[in-house]
Amino acid sequence: MTLDELYTFLLGRKANPKPGSYTNSLFDEGLPRLSQKVGEEGVEVAVAALVQGDERLIEEIADLAYHTLVLMAARGISPAQVRAELERRHS
């Protein structure tokens, strides 16, 4: 699944909540919890990079990407907007 596909899935889950869904529990808990999760995952990526193997680092990066995309979906920020900003910075 690409990041764009995951983002589309997350938007679908936001629009059509599924009872018991972890994703929906994050949306329900709101921006403070989502922001906390992104921060926690960022720290876990840094720790994994320093003291854990590549497999664990990949897992933590995937967690960070997922939680970041949930936060973006909650705020209505698309991957295209982030890509545009990266292109602006590197053009």
C-alpha atoms as a PDB file:
ATOM      1  CA  MET A   1       0.000   0.000   0.000  1.00  0.00           C
ATOM      2  CA  THR A   2       1.387   3.400  -0.949  1.00  0.00           C
ATOM      3  CA  LEU A   3       1.192   6.379   1.388  1.00  0.00           C
ATOM      4  CA  ASP A   4      -1.417   7.925  -0.923  1.00  0.00           C
ATOM      5  CA  GLU A   5      -3.495   4.748  -0.753  1.00  0.00           C
ATOM      6  CA  LEU A   6      -3.206   4.677   3.025  1.00  0.00           C
ATOM      7  CA  TYR A   7      -4.261   8.340   3.197  1.00  0.00           C
ATOM      8  CA  THR A   8      -7.297   7.602   1.023  1.00  0.00           C
ATOM      9  CA  PHE A   9      -8.163   4.669   3.292  1.00  0.00           C
ATOM     10  CA  LEU A  10      -7.864   6.919   6.348  1.00  0.00           C
ATOM     11  CA  LEU A  11     -10.162   9.527   4.805  1.00  0.00           C
ATOM     12  CA  GLY A  12     -12.676   6.765   4.127  1.00  0.00           C
ATOM     13  CA  ARG A  13     -12.463   5.572   7.710  1.00  0.00           C
ATOM     14  CA  LYS A  14     -12.924   9.164   8.917  1.00  0.00           C
ATOM     15  CA  ALA A  15     -16.027   9.609   6.731  1.00  0.00           C
ATOM     16  CA  ASN A  16     -17.417   6.143   7.511  1.00  0.00           C
ATOM     17  CA  PRO A  17     -16.312   5.145  11.010  1.00  0.00           C
ATOM     18  CA  LYS A  18     -15.998   1.470  11.814  1.00  0.00           C
ATOM     19  CA  PRO A  19     -16.791   0.503  15.417  1.00  0.00           C
ATOM     20  CA  GLY A  20     -13.732  -0.835  17.226  1.00  0.00           C
ATOM     21  CA  SER A  21     -11.306   0.614  14.672  1.00  0.00           C
ATOM     22  CA  TYR A  22      -7.979   1.849  16.057  1.00  0.00           C
ATOM     23  CA  THR A  23      -7.952   4.542  13.386  1.00  0.00           C
ATOM     24  CA  ASN A  24     -11.389   5.752  14.431  1.00  0.00           C
ATOM     25  CA  SER A  25     -10.358   5.744  18.076  1.00  0.00           C
ATOM     26  CA  LEU A  26      -7.547   8.130  17.133  1.00  0.00           C
ATOM     27  CA  PHE A  27      -9.929  10.420  15.237  1.00  0.00           C
ATOM     28  CA  ASP A  28     -12.344  10.305  18.190  1.00  0.00           C
ATOM     29  CA  GLU A  29      -9.630  11.219  20.700  1.00  0.00           C
ATOM     30  CA  GLY A  30      -8.815  14.343  18.710  1.00  0.00           C
ATOM     31  CA  LEU A  31      -5.801  16.441  17.847  1.00  0.00           C
ATOM     32  CA  PRO A  32      -4.152  16.414  21.285  1.00  0.00           C
ATOM     33  CA  ARG A  33      -3.926  12.597  21.252  1.00  0.00           C
ATOM     34  CA  LEU A  34      -2.933  12.467  17.591  1.00  0.00           C
ATOM     35  CA  SER A  35      -0.180  14.999  18.215  1.00  0.00           C
ATOM     36  CA  GLN A  36       1.011  13.004  21.209  1.00  0.00           C
ATOM     37  CA  LYS A  37       1.118   9.798  19.126  1.00  0.00           C
ATOM     38  CA  VAL A  38       3.171  11.477  16.388  1.00  0.00           C
ATOM     39  CA  GLY A  39       5.608  12.734  19.027  1.00  0.00           C
ATOM     40  CA  GLU A  40       5.875   9.312  20.660  1.00  0.00           C
ATOM     41  CA  GLU A  41       6.483   7.612  17.330  1.00  0.00           C
ATOM     42  CA  GLY A  42       9.123  10.196  16.399  1.00  0.00           C
ATOM     43  CA  VAL A  43      11.013   9.429  19.599  1.00  0.00           C
ATOM     44  CA  GLU A  44      10.697   5.698  18.939  1.00  0.00           C
ATOM     45  CA  VAL A  45      12.167   6.197  15.449  1.00  0.00           C
ATOM     46  CA  ALA A  46      15.124   8.076  16.914  1.00  0.00           C
ATOM     47  CA  VAL A  47      15.751   5.405  19.555  1.00  0.00           C
ATOM     48  CA  ALA A  48      15.457   2.596  17.014  1.00  0.00           C
ATOM     49  CA  ALA A  49      17.922   4.355  14.716  1.00  0.00           C
ATOM     50  CA  LEU A  50      20.466   4.544  17.511  1.00  0.00           C
ATOM     51  CA  VAL A  51      20.173   1.211  19.289  1.00  0.00           C
ATOM     52  CA  GLN A  52      17.990  -1.235  17.375  1.00  0.00           C
ATOM     53  CA  GLY A  53      18.227  -3.193  14.160  1.00  0.00           C
ATOM     54  CA  ASP A  54      16.952  -2.207  10.751  1.00  0.00           C
ATOM     55  CA  GLU A  55      13.794  -4.315  11.042  1.00  0.00           C
ATOM     56  CA  ARG A  56      12.716  -2.489  14.205  1.00  0.00           C
ATOM     57  CA  LEU A  57      13.603   0.880  12.661  1.00  0.00           C
ATOM     58  CA  ILE A  58      11.433   0.085   9.632  1.00  0.00           C
ATOM     59  CA  GLU A  59       8.543  -0.843  11.934  1.00  0.00           C
ATOM     60  CA  GLU A  60       8.875   2.415  13.848  1.00  0.00           C
ATOM     61  CA  ILE A  61       9.089   4.488  10.658  1.00  0.00           C
ATOM     62  CA  ALA A  62       5.910   2.774   9.436  1.00  0.00           C
ATOM     63  CA  ASP A  63       4.201   3.654  12.732  1.00  0.00           C
ATOM     64  CA  LEU A  64       5.333   7.274  12.420  1.00  0.00           C
ATOM     65  CA  ALA A  65       4.121   7.487   8.818  1.00  0.00           C
ATOM     66  CA  TYR A  66       0.743   6.007   9.752  1.00  0.00           C
ATOM     67  CA  HIS A  67       0.170   8.328  12.705  1.00  0.00           C
ATOM     68  CA  THR A  68       1.360  11.339  10.703  1.00  0.00           C
ATOM     69  CA  LEU A  69      -1.116  10.513   7.942  1.00  0.00           C
ATOM     70  CA  VAL A  70      -3.928  10.162  10.493  1.00  0.00           C
ATOM     71  CA  LEU A  71      -3.016  13.593  11.869  1.00  0.00           C
ATOM     72  CA  MET A  72      -2.950  15.023   8.354  1.00  0.00           C
ATOM     73  CA  ALA A  73      -6.369  13.514   7.602  1.00  0.00           C
ATOM     74  CA  ALA A  74      -7.754  14.950  10.830  1.00  0.00           C
ATOM     75  CA  ARG A  75      -6.497  18.409   9.856  1.00  0.00           C
ATOM     76  CA  GLY A  76      -7.448  18.105   6.174  1.00  0.00           C
ATOM     77  CA  ILE A  77      -3.859  18.282   4.928  1.00  0.00           C
ATOM     78  CA  SER A  78      -3.168  16.091   1.910  1.00  0.00           C
ATOM     79  CA  PRO A  79       0.015  14.295   0.888  1.00  0.00           C
ATOM     80  CA  ALA A  80      -0.064  16.449  -2.269  1.00  0.00           C
ATOM     81  CA  GLN A  81       0.283  19.560  -0.113  1.00  0.00           C
ATOM     82  CA  VAL A  82       3.301  18.093   1.655  1.00  0.00           C
ATOM     83  CA  ARG A  83       4.840  17.059  -1.687  1.00  0.00           C
ATOM     84  CA  ALA A  84       4.287  20.594  -3.012  1.00  0.00           C
ATOM     85  CA  GLU A  85       6.092  22.033  -0.002  1.00  0.00           C
ATOM     86  CA  LEU A  86       9.008  19.633  -0.464  1.00  0.00           C
ATOM     87  CA  GLU A  87       9.207  20.540  -4.146  1.00  0.00           C
ATOM     88  CA  ARG A  88       9.127  24.253  -3.268  1.00  0.00           C
ATOM     89  CA  ARG A  89      12.021  23.754  -0.839  1.00  0.00           C
ATOM     90  CA  HIS A  90      14.117  21.795  -3.302  1.00  0.00           C
ATOM     91  CA  SER A  91      13.511  23.601  -6.561  1.00  0.00           C
END
